[in-house]
């Protein structure tokens, strides 16, 4: 019986094992390319964005910070654009004080509670909002850090709604 592989490592005396491995690799790449470009269809998943408005509530904001949160500014969260500020409404900041006669609400001097309304685009899937397609937003969750060009703050998202442009 004749040996399949000779002393030089060639199959049948003509083709080496390395040559065979290279030929098989080229064939596998060619078959993979054919399947990818001609057999498999393109995925046609498009996610439509919808305009949303959301409100952020900030507590204990100082006067300087309040004047650096302006309508028209771009709002960022972790460096991602999450919308444009539409309005800023400030009220004196109130806090619960425990007194001798029981608890009462007192106004904190030079501090404000600020409501920032922001418009953005979001994808909505099963009631979940992804602003700018990457930043998850949901009302009432734990505080979220935001920033503008001039101010950084930590606020609570109190409301998020879809609206028509």
N, C-alpha and C. Protein backbone atom coordinates (compact mmCIF):
# COMPACT_ATOMS: atom_id res chain seq x y z
N UNK A 1 0.83 -1.17 0.00
CA UNK A 1 0.00 0.00 0.00
C UNK A 1 0.89 1.24 0.00
N UNK A 2 0.49 2.19 -0.79
CA UNK A 2 1.26 3.40 -0.96
C UNK A 2 0.90 4.41 0.14
N UNK A 3 1.86 5.17 0.64
CA UNK A 3 1.63 6.17 1.67
C UNK A 3 1.02 7.42 1.05
N UNK A 4 0.07 8.07 1.78
CA UNK A 4 -0.56 9.30 1.29
C UNK A 4 0.38 10.48 1.39
N UNK A 5 1.12 10.57 2.49
CA UNK A 5 2.02 11.69 2.71
C UNK A 5 3.45 11.17 2.63
N UNK A 6 4.25 11.77 1.76
CA UNK A 6 5.64 11.32 1.62
C UNK A 6 6.54 11.96 2.68
N UNK A 7 7.85 11.69 2.61
CA UNK A 7 8.80 12.19 3.62
C UNK A 7 8.96 13.71 3.60
N UNK A 8 8.57 14.40 2.54
CA UNK A 8 8.65 15.86 2.45
C UNK A 8 7.34 16.54 2.86
N UNK A 9 6.35 15.78 3.33
CA UNK A 9 5.09 16.34 3.80
C UNK A 9 4.12 16.67 2.69
N UNK A 10 4.29 16.09 1.51
CA UNK A 10 3.40 16.35 0.39
C UNK A 10 2.37 15.23 0.27
N UNK A 11 1.15 15.62 -0.09
CA UNK A 11 0.08 14.66 -0.27
C UNK A 11 0.19 14.14 -1.70
N UNK A 12 0.31 12.83 -1.79
CA UNK A 12 0.42 12.21 -3.11
C UNK A 12 1.69 12.63 -3.85
N UNK A 13 2.66 13.19 -3.13
CA UNK A 13 3.91 13.59 -3.74
C UNK A 13 3.84 14.90 -4.51
N UNK A 14 2.69 15.59 -4.49
CA UNK A 14 2.55 16.81 -5.28
C UNK A 14 2.13 18.03 -4.47
N UNK A 15 1.29 17.87 -3.44
CA UNK A 15 0.68 18.99 -2.73
C UNK A 15 1.03 18.90 -1.25
N UNK A 16 1.62 19.99 -0.70
CA UNK A 16 1.99 19.96 0.72
C UNK A 16 0.76 20.27 1.58
N UNK A 17 0.84 19.96 2.85
CA UNK A 17 -0.26 20.20 3.79
C UNK A 17 -0.50 21.70 3.93
N UNK A 18 0.54 22.51 3.93
CA UNK A 18 0.40 23.97 4.04
C UNK A 18 -0.32 24.51 2.81
N UNK A 19 0.04 24.01 1.63
CA UNK A 19 -0.66 24.43 0.42
C UNK A 19 -2.14 24.10 0.50
N UNK A 20 -2.45 22.91 0.99
CA UNK A 20 -3.84 22.49 1.13
C UNK A 20 -4.60 23.40 2.11
N UNK A 21 -3.95 23.75 3.22
CA UNK A 21 -4.60 24.64 4.20
C UNK A 21 -4.87 26.02 3.59
N UNK A 22 -3.95 26.54 2.80
CA UNK A 22 -4.14 27.84 2.17
C UNK A 22 -5.27 27.77 1.14
N UNK A 23 -5.35 26.72 0.38
CA UNK A 23 -6.44 26.55 -0.61
C UNK A 23 -7.79 26.47 0.11
N UNK A 24 -7.86 25.70 1.19
CA UNK A 24 -9.11 25.60 1.95
C UNK A 24 -9.51 26.95 2.55
N UNK A 25 -8.54 27.72 3.05
CA UNK A 25 -8.83 29.04 3.59
C UNK A 25 -9.37 29.97 2.52
N UNK A 26 -8.79 29.96 1.35
CA UNK A 26 -9.26 30.80 0.24
C UNK A 26 -10.67 30.40 -0.16
N UNK A 27 -10.94 29.09 -0.22
CA UNK A 27 -12.29 28.63 -0.55
C UNK A 27 -13.32 29.06 0.50
N UNK A 28 -12.95 28.97 1.78
CA UNK A 28 -13.87 29.38 2.84
C UNK A 28 -14.16 30.88 2.77
N UNK A 29 -13.16 31.69 2.51
CA UNK A 29 -13.36 33.13 2.38
C UNK A 29 -14.25 33.44 1.18
N UNK A 30 -14.04 32.75 0.06
CA UNK A 30 -14.84 32.97 -1.13
C UNK A 30 -16.30 32.58 -0.89
N UNK A 31 -16.52 31.44 -0.25
CA UNK A 31 -17.89 31.01 0.04
C UNK A 31 -18.55 31.99 1.02
N UNK A 32 -17.82 32.43 2.05
CA UNK A 32 -18.36 33.39 3.00
C UNK A 32 -18.72 34.71 2.33
N UNK A 33 -17.89 35.21 1.43
CA UNK A 33 -18.17 36.45 0.72
C UNK A 33 -19.40 36.29 -0.17
N UNK A 34 -19.50 35.16 -0.86
CA UNK A 34 -20.66 34.91 -1.73
C UNK A 34 -21.95 34.90 -0.89
N UNK A 35 -21.94 34.18 0.23
CA UNK A 35 -23.13 34.11 1.07
C UNK A 35 -23.47 35.49 1.62
N UNK A 36 -22.47 36.24 2.05
CA UNK A 36 -22.72 37.56 2.63
C UNK A 36 -23.31 38.54 1.61
N UNK A 37 -22.77 38.56 0.41
CA UNK A 37 -23.19 39.57 -0.56
C UNK A 37 -24.34 39.15 -1.47
N UNK A 38 -24.54 37.85 -1.67
CA UNK A 38 -25.55 37.42 -2.63
C UNK A 38 -26.69 36.60 -2.03
N UNK A 39 -26.47 35.93 -0.93
CA UNK A 39 -27.51 35.07 -0.37
C UNK A 39 -28.28 35.77 0.75
N UNK A 40 -27.57 36.36 1.69
CA UNK A 40 -28.23 37.02 2.82
C UNK A 40 -28.79 38.37 2.39
N UNK A 41 -30.01 38.66 2.79
CA UNK A 41 -30.60 39.97 2.49
C UNK A 41 -30.12 41.00 3.50
N UNK A 42 -30.17 42.25 3.13
CA UNK A 42 -29.80 43.31 4.05
C UNK A 42 -30.87 43.46 5.11
N UNK A 43 -30.44 43.76 6.30
CA UNK A 43 -31.41 44.03 7.34
C UNK A 43 -31.95 45.44 7.13
N UNK A 44 -33.23 45.56 7.13
CA UNK A 44 -33.87 46.84 6.87
C UNK A 44 -34.57 47.34 8.13
N UNK A 45 -33.79 47.48 9.20
CA UNK A 45 -34.37 47.96 10.45
C UNK A 45 -34.13 49.46 10.52
N UNK A 46 -35.20 50.20 10.51
CA UNK A 46 -35.09 51.65 10.68
C UNK A 46 -35.92 52.02 11.90
N UNK A 47 -35.33 52.80 12.73
CA UNK A 47 -36.01 53.24 13.93
C UNK A 47 -36.32 54.71 13.76
N UNK A 48 -37.59 55.02 13.84
CA UNK A 48 -37.99 56.41 13.67
C UNK A 48 -37.86 57.16 15.00
N UNK A 49 -37.38 58.38 14.88
CA UNK A 49 -37.31 59.22 16.07
C UNK A 49 -38.55 60.09 16.14
N UNK A 50 -38.92 60.43 17.35
CA UNK A 50 -40.10 61.26 17.58
C UNK A 50 -39.71 62.42 18.48
N UNK A 51 -40.33 63.57 18.28
CA UNK A 51 -40.02 64.70 19.17
C UNK A 51 -40.60 64.46 20.56
N UNK A 52 -39.80 64.78 21.56
CA UNK A 52 -40.23 64.66 22.96
C UNK A 52 -39.89 65.94 23.70
N UNK A 53 -40.60 66.17 24.78
CA UNK A 53 -40.28 67.25 25.71
C UNK A 53 -40.19 66.61 27.09
N UNK A 54 -39.18 67.02 27.82
CA UNK A 54 -39.08 66.53 29.19
C UNK A 54 -38.69 67.66 30.12
N UNK A 55 -39.02 67.47 31.40
CA UNK A 55 -38.79 68.48 32.42
C UNK A 55 -37.84 67.93 33.46
N UNK A 56 -36.85 68.76 33.78
CA UNK A 56 -35.87 68.41 34.81
C UNK A 56 -36.08 69.35 35.98
N UNK A 57 -36.13 68.80 37.17
CA UNK A 57 -36.30 69.60 38.38
C UNK A 57 -34.96 69.64 39.12
N UNK A 58 -34.49 70.85 39.39
CA UNK A 58 -33.22 71.07 40.09
C UNK A 58 -33.51 71.73 41.43
N UNK A 59 -32.87 71.26 42.48
CA UNK A 59 -33.11 71.82 43.82
C UNK A 59 -31.85 72.50 44.35
N UNK A 60 -32.04 73.61 45.03
CA UNK A 60 -30.94 74.30 45.70
C UNK A 60 -29.95 74.95 44.75
N UNK A 61 -30.42 75.44 43.61
CA UNK A 61 -29.54 76.04 42.62
C UNK A 61 -29.13 77.44 43.07
N UNK A 62 -27.86 77.75 42.94
CA UNK A 62 -27.37 79.08 43.30
C UNK A 62 -27.67 80.08 42.19
N UNK A 63 -27.63 81.36 42.56
CA UNK A 63 -27.94 82.44 41.62
C UNK A 63 -27.05 82.38 40.37
N UNK A 64 -25.76 82.18 40.56
CA UNK A 64 -24.82 82.13 39.43
C UNK A 64 -25.19 81.01 38.47
N UNK A 65 -25.45 79.81 39.02
CA UNK A 65 -25.80 78.67 38.17
C UNK A 65 -27.12 78.90 37.45
N UNK A 66 -28.08 79.52 38.13
CA UNK A 66 -29.38 79.78 37.53
C UNK A 66 -29.23 80.62 36.26
N UNK A 67 -28.36 81.60 36.29
CA UNK A 67 -28.20 82.48 35.13
C UNK A 67 -27.31 81.88 34.04
N UNK A 68 -26.80 80.68 34.27
CA UNK A 68 -26.03 79.99 33.25
C UNK A 68 -26.78 78.80 32.67
N UNK A 69 -28.06 78.70 32.97
CA UNK A 69 -28.94 77.72 32.35
C UNK A 69 -29.94 78.54 31.55
N UNK A 70 -29.73 78.61 30.24
CA UNK A 70 -30.52 79.53 29.41
C UNK A 70 -31.30 78.79 28.33
N UNK A 71 -32.45 79.35 28.00
CA UNK A 71 -33.24 78.83 26.88
C UNK A 71 -32.40 78.95 25.60
N UNK A 72 -32.43 77.91 24.79
CA UNK A 72 -31.67 77.90 23.54
C UNK A 72 -30.35 77.17 23.65
N UNK A 73 -29.86 76.94 24.88
CA UNK A 73 -28.60 76.21 25.06
C UNK A 73 -28.80 74.72 24.81
N UNK A 74 -27.74 74.08 24.37
CA UNK A 74 -27.75 72.63 24.19
C UNK A 74 -27.47 71.98 25.53
N UNK A 75 -28.21 70.92 25.83
CA UNK A 75 -28.06 70.19 27.08
C UNK A 75 -27.31 68.89 26.79
N UNK A 76 -26.39 68.53 27.68
CA UNK A 76 -25.59 67.31 27.52
C UNK A 76 -25.75 66.42 28.73
N UNK A 77 -25.63 65.11 28.49
CA UNK A 77 -25.56 64.13 29.57
C UNK A 77 -24.46 63.17 29.18
N UNK A 78 -23.43 63.09 30.00
CA UNK A 78 -22.25 62.26 29.72
C UNK A 78 -21.65 62.59 28.36
N UNK A 79 -21.65 63.85 28.00
CA UNK A 79 -21.04 64.28 26.75
C UNK A 79 -21.91 64.12 25.51
N UNK A 80 -23.10 63.57 25.65
CA UNK A 80 -24.01 63.36 24.53
C UNK A 80 -25.08 64.45 24.52
N UNK A 81 -25.34 65.00 23.36
CA UNK A 81 -26.37 66.02 23.19
C UNK A 81 -27.73 65.37 23.47
N UNK A 82 -28.43 65.87 24.49
CA UNK A 82 -29.73 65.30 24.84
C UNK A 82 -30.87 66.30 24.68
N UNK A 83 -30.66 67.36 23.91
CA UNK A 83 -31.75 68.27 23.60
C UNK A 83 -31.38 69.73 23.73
N UNK A 84 -32.39 70.55 23.50
CA UNK A 84 -32.25 72.00 23.57
C UNK A 84 -33.18 72.54 24.65
N UNK A 85 -32.66 73.40 25.49
CA UNK A 85 -33.46 73.97 26.57
C UNK A 85 -34.48 74.92 25.97
N UNK A 86 -35.75 74.71 26.29
CA UNK A 86 -36.83 75.55 25.79
C UNK A 86 -37.21 76.64 26.78
N UNK A 87 -37.25 76.30 28.05
CA UNK A 87 -37.61 77.31 29.06
C UNK A 87 -36.97 76.95 30.39
N UNK A 88 -36.77 77.99 31.20
CA UNK A 88 -36.21 77.84 32.53
C UNK A 88 -37.10 78.65 33.48
N UNK A 89 -37.69 77.98 34.46
CA UNK A 89 -38.56 78.64 35.44
C UNK A 89 -37.97 78.41 36.83
N UNK A 90 -37.76 79.51 37.56
CA UNK A 90 -37.16 79.41 38.89
C UNK A 90 -38.14 79.90 39.95
N UNK A 91 -38.10 79.24 41.11
CA UNK A 91 -38.89 79.63 42.28
C UNK A 91 -37.95 79.63 43.48
N UNK A 92 -38.28 80.37 44.51
CA UNK A 92 -37.44 80.28 45.72
C UNK A 92 -37.42 78.84 46.23
N UNK A 93 -36.25 78.41 46.66
CA UNK A 93 -36.12 77.02 47.15
C UNK A 93 -36.65 76.92 48.57
N UNK A 94 -37.50 75.93 48.78
CA UNK A 94 -38.08 75.70 50.09
C UNK A 94 -37.57 74.38 50.63
N UNK A 95 -37.38 74.33 51.93
CA UNK A 95 -36.94 73.10 52.56
C UNK A 95 -37.72 72.89 53.86
N UNK A 96 -37.83 71.65 54.27
CA UNK A 96 -38.56 71.30 55.49
C UNK A 96 -37.66 71.53 56.70
N UNK A 97 -38.13 72.36 57.62
CA UNK A 97 -37.36 72.69 58.82
C UNK A 97 -38.09 72.10 60.03
N UNK A 98 -37.35 71.41 60.89
CA UNK A 98 -37.93 70.87 62.13
C UNK A 98 -37.77 71.90 63.23
N UNK A 99 -38.89 72.49 63.63
CA UNK A 99 -38.87 73.50 64.70
C UNK A 99 -39.46 72.96 65.98
N UNK A 100 -39.51 73.81 66.99
CA UNK A 100 -40.08 73.42 68.29
C UNK A 100 -41.56 73.12 68.17
N UNK A 101 -42.24 73.83 67.26
CA UNK A 101 -43.68 73.63 67.07
C UNK A 101 -43.98 72.58 66.01
N UNK A 102 -42.98 71.85 65.58
CA UNK A 102 -43.17 70.85 64.54
C UNK A 102 -42.52 71.29 63.23
N UNK A 103 -42.59 70.46 62.22
CA UNK A 103 -41.95 70.80 60.95
C UNK A 103 -42.71 71.89 60.19
N UNK A 104 -41.99 72.72 59.46
CA UNK A 104 -42.59 73.76 58.64
C UNK A 104 -41.67 74.00 57.44
N UNK A 105 -42.24 74.58 56.41
CA UNK A 105 -41.48 74.84 55.19
C UNK A 105 -40.87 76.23 55.26
N UNK A 106 -39.56 76.30 55.06
CA UNK A 106 -38.88 77.58 55.08
C UNK A 106 -38.20 77.85 53.75
N UNK A 107 -38.07 79.12 53.40
CA UNK A 107 -37.41 79.52 52.16
C UNK A 107 -35.92 79.65 52.43
N UNK A 108 -35.11 79.04 51.56
CA UNK A 108 -33.65 79.11 51.69
C UNK A 108 -33.16 80.32 50.92
N UNK A 109 -32.49 81.26 51.58
CA UNK A 109 -32.05 82.47 50.88
C UNK A 109 -31.03 82.16 49.78
N UNK A 110 -31.16 82.86 48.68
CA UNK A 110 -30.26 82.78 47.54
C UNK A 110 -30.15 81.38 46.93
N UNK A 111 -31.16 80.58 47.09
CA UNK A 111 -31.24 79.26 46.45
C UNK A 111 -32.59 79.16 45.74
N UNK A 112 -32.59 78.37 44.65
CA UNK A 112 -33.79 78.27 43.81
C UNK A 112 -34.10 76.82 43.48
N UNK A 113 -35.39 76.55 43.27
CA UNK A 113 -35.83 75.32 42.64
C UNK A 113 -36.11 75.69 41.20
N UNK A 114 -35.47 74.99 40.27
CA UNK A 114 -35.53 75.36 38.86
C UNK A 114 -36.15 74.22 38.06
N UNK A 115 -37.07 74.58 37.18
CA UNK A 115 -37.69 73.61 36.26
C UNK A 115 -37.19 73.93 34.85
N UNK A 116 -36.49 72.99 34.25
CA UNK A 116 -35.91 73.18 32.92
C UNK A 116 -36.68 72.30 31.95
N UNK A 117 -37.31 72.92 30.93
CA UNK A 117 -38.03 72.16 29.90
C UNK A 117 -37.12 72.02 28.69
N UNK A 118 -36.98 70.79 28.23
CA UNK A 118 -36.05 70.47 27.14
C UNK A 118 -36.80 69.78 26.02
N UNK A 119 -36.47 70.13 24.77
CA UNK A 119 -37.03 69.40 23.62
C UNK A 119 -35.89 68.61 22.98
N UNK A 120 -36.24 67.41 22.50
CA UNK A 120 -35.24 66.52 21.91
C UNK A 120 -35.94 65.56 20.97
N UNK A 121 -35.16 64.70 20.35
CA UNK A 121 -35.72 63.60 19.57
C UNK A 121 -35.36 62.30 20.28
N UNK A 122 -36.28 61.36 20.23
CA UNK A 122 -36.07 60.10 20.94
C UNK A 122 -36.69 58.96 20.16
N UNK A 123 -36.13 57.79 20.37
CA UNK A 123 -36.77 56.58 19.87
C UNK A 123 -37.59 56.03 21.04
N UNK A 124 -38.77 55.54 20.73
CA UNK A 124 -39.66 55.03 21.76
C UNK A 124 -39.96 53.57 21.45
N UNK A 125 -39.57 52.69 22.36
CA UNK A 125 -39.82 51.27 22.21
C UNK A 125 -40.38 50.73 23.51
N UNK A 126 -41.58 50.21 23.46
CA UNK A 126 -42.24 49.64 24.64
C UNK A 126 -42.24 50.60 25.82
N UNK A 127 -42.51 51.89 25.55
CA UNK A 127 -42.57 52.88 26.61
C UNK A 127 -41.22 53.36 27.11
N UNK A 128 -40.15 52.89 26.50
CA UNK A 128 -38.80 53.30 26.89
C UNK A 128 -38.30 54.36 25.93
N UNK A 129 -37.80 55.45 26.47
CA UNK A 129 -37.32 56.57 25.66
C UNK A 129 -35.79 56.54 25.61
N UNK A 130 -35.26 56.61 24.39
CA UNK A 130 -33.81 56.75 24.20
C UNK A 130 -33.59 58.08 23.48
N UNK A 131 -33.13 59.06 24.20
CA UNK A 131 -32.88 60.38 23.63
C UNK A 131 -31.55 60.32 22.88
N UNK A 132 -31.54 60.92 21.70
CA UNK A 132 -30.36 60.89 20.81
C UNK A 132 -29.94 59.46 20.51
N UNK A 133 -30.88 58.53 20.54
CA UNK A 133 -30.71 57.11 20.24
C UNK A 133 -29.82 56.34 21.20
N UNK A 134 -29.26 57.00 22.22
CA UNK A 134 -28.34 56.29 23.11
C UNK A 134 -28.57 56.52 24.60
N UNK A 135 -29.20 57.62 24.97
CA UNK A 135 -29.32 57.96 26.39
C UNK A 135 -30.72 57.61 26.89
N UNK A 136 -30.84 56.61 27.78
CA UNK A 136 -32.17 56.24 28.31
C UNK A 136 -32.69 57.31 29.25
N UNK A 137 -33.97 57.64 29.10
CA UNK A 137 -34.61 58.64 29.96
C UNK A 137 -35.93 58.07 30.46
N UNK A 138 -36.18 58.23 31.76
CA UNK A 138 -37.48 57.85 32.30
C UNK A 138 -37.79 58.76 33.47
N UNK A 139 -39.03 59.16 33.57
CA UNK A 139 -39.46 60.11 34.60
C UNK A 139 -39.45 59.44 35.97
N UNK A 140 -39.02 60.19 36.96
CA UNK A 140 -39.08 59.73 38.33
C UNK A 140 -37.94 58.83 38.77
N UNK A 141 -37.00 58.52 37.87
CA UNK A 141 -35.91 57.66 38.30
C UNK A 141 -34.91 58.47 39.11
N UNK A 142 -33.84 57.85 39.52
CA UNK A 142 -32.83 58.56 40.30
C UNK A 142 -32.26 59.72 39.49
N UNK A 143 -31.63 60.64 40.16
CA UNK A 143 -31.13 61.84 39.52
C UNK A 143 -30.16 61.55 38.39
N UNK A 144 -30.11 62.48 37.46
CA UNK A 144 -29.24 62.36 36.29
C UNK A 144 -28.38 63.61 36.22
N UNK A 145 -27.12 63.45 35.83
CA UNK A 145 -26.23 64.59 35.68
C UNK A 145 -26.36 65.19 34.29
N UNK A 146 -26.46 66.51 34.23
CA UNK A 146 -26.58 67.24 32.98
C UNK A 146 -25.56 68.37 32.99
N UNK A 147 -25.32 68.93 31.80
CA UNK A 147 -24.46 70.10 31.72
C UNK A 147 -24.82 70.92 30.48
N UNK A 148 -24.48 72.21 30.56
CA UNK A 148 -24.54 73.10 29.41
C UNK A 148 -23.11 73.55 29.18
N UNK A 149 -22.92 74.53 28.34
CA UNK A 149 -21.56 75.03 28.13
C UNK A 149 -20.99 75.65 29.40
N UNK A 150 -21.86 76.19 30.25
CA UNK A 150 -21.38 76.98 31.39
C UNK A 150 -21.75 76.41 32.76
N UNK A 151 -22.57 75.41 32.83
CA UNK A 151 -23.02 74.91 34.13
C UNK A 151 -23.19 73.40 34.09
N UNK A 152 -22.94 72.78 35.24
CA UNK A 152 -23.19 71.35 35.40
C UNK A 152 -24.11 71.18 36.60
N UNK A 153 -25.05 70.26 36.53
CA UNK A 153 -26.00 70.09 37.61
C UNK A 153 -26.54 68.68 37.61
N UNK A 154 -27.15 68.33 38.74
CA UNK A 154 -27.74 67.02 38.95
C UNK A 154 -29.23 67.24 39.19
N UNK A 155 -30.08 66.63 38.37
CA UNK A 155 -31.50 66.89 38.49
C UNK A 155 -32.33 65.64 38.38
N UNK A 156 -33.60 65.79 38.67
CA UNK A 156 -34.56 64.70 38.60
C UNK A 156 -35.47 64.92 37.40
N UNK A 157 -35.55 63.93 36.54
CA UNK A 157 -36.44 64.00 35.38
C UNK A 157 -37.86 63.76 35.88
N UNK A 158 -38.71 64.79 35.80
CA UNK A 158 -40.05 64.66 36.38
C UNK A 158 -41.11 64.29 35.37
N UNK A 159 -40.88 64.58 34.09
CA UNK A 159 -41.91 64.31 33.08
C UNK A 159 -41.25 64.18 31.72
N UNK A 160 -41.74 63.24 30.92
CA UNK A 160 -41.30 63.11 29.53
C UNK A 160 -42.53 62.75 28.70
N UNK A 161 -42.77 63.54 27.65
CA UNK A 161 -43.96 63.33 26.82
C UNK A 161 -43.62 63.47 25.35
N UNK A 162 -44.37 62.74 24.53
CA UNK A 162 -44.29 62.91 23.08
C UNK A 162 -45.11 64.12 22.70
N UNK A 163 -44.69 64.82 21.66
CA UNK A 163 -45.48 65.94 21.17
C UNK A 163 -45.33 66.05 19.67
N UNK A 164 -46.27 66.73 19.04
CA UNK A 164 -46.21 66.96 17.60
C UNK A 164 -45.50 68.28 17.36
N UNK A 165 -44.64 68.27 16.37
CA UNK A 165 -43.89 69.49 16.06
C UNK A 165 -44.78 70.56 15.50
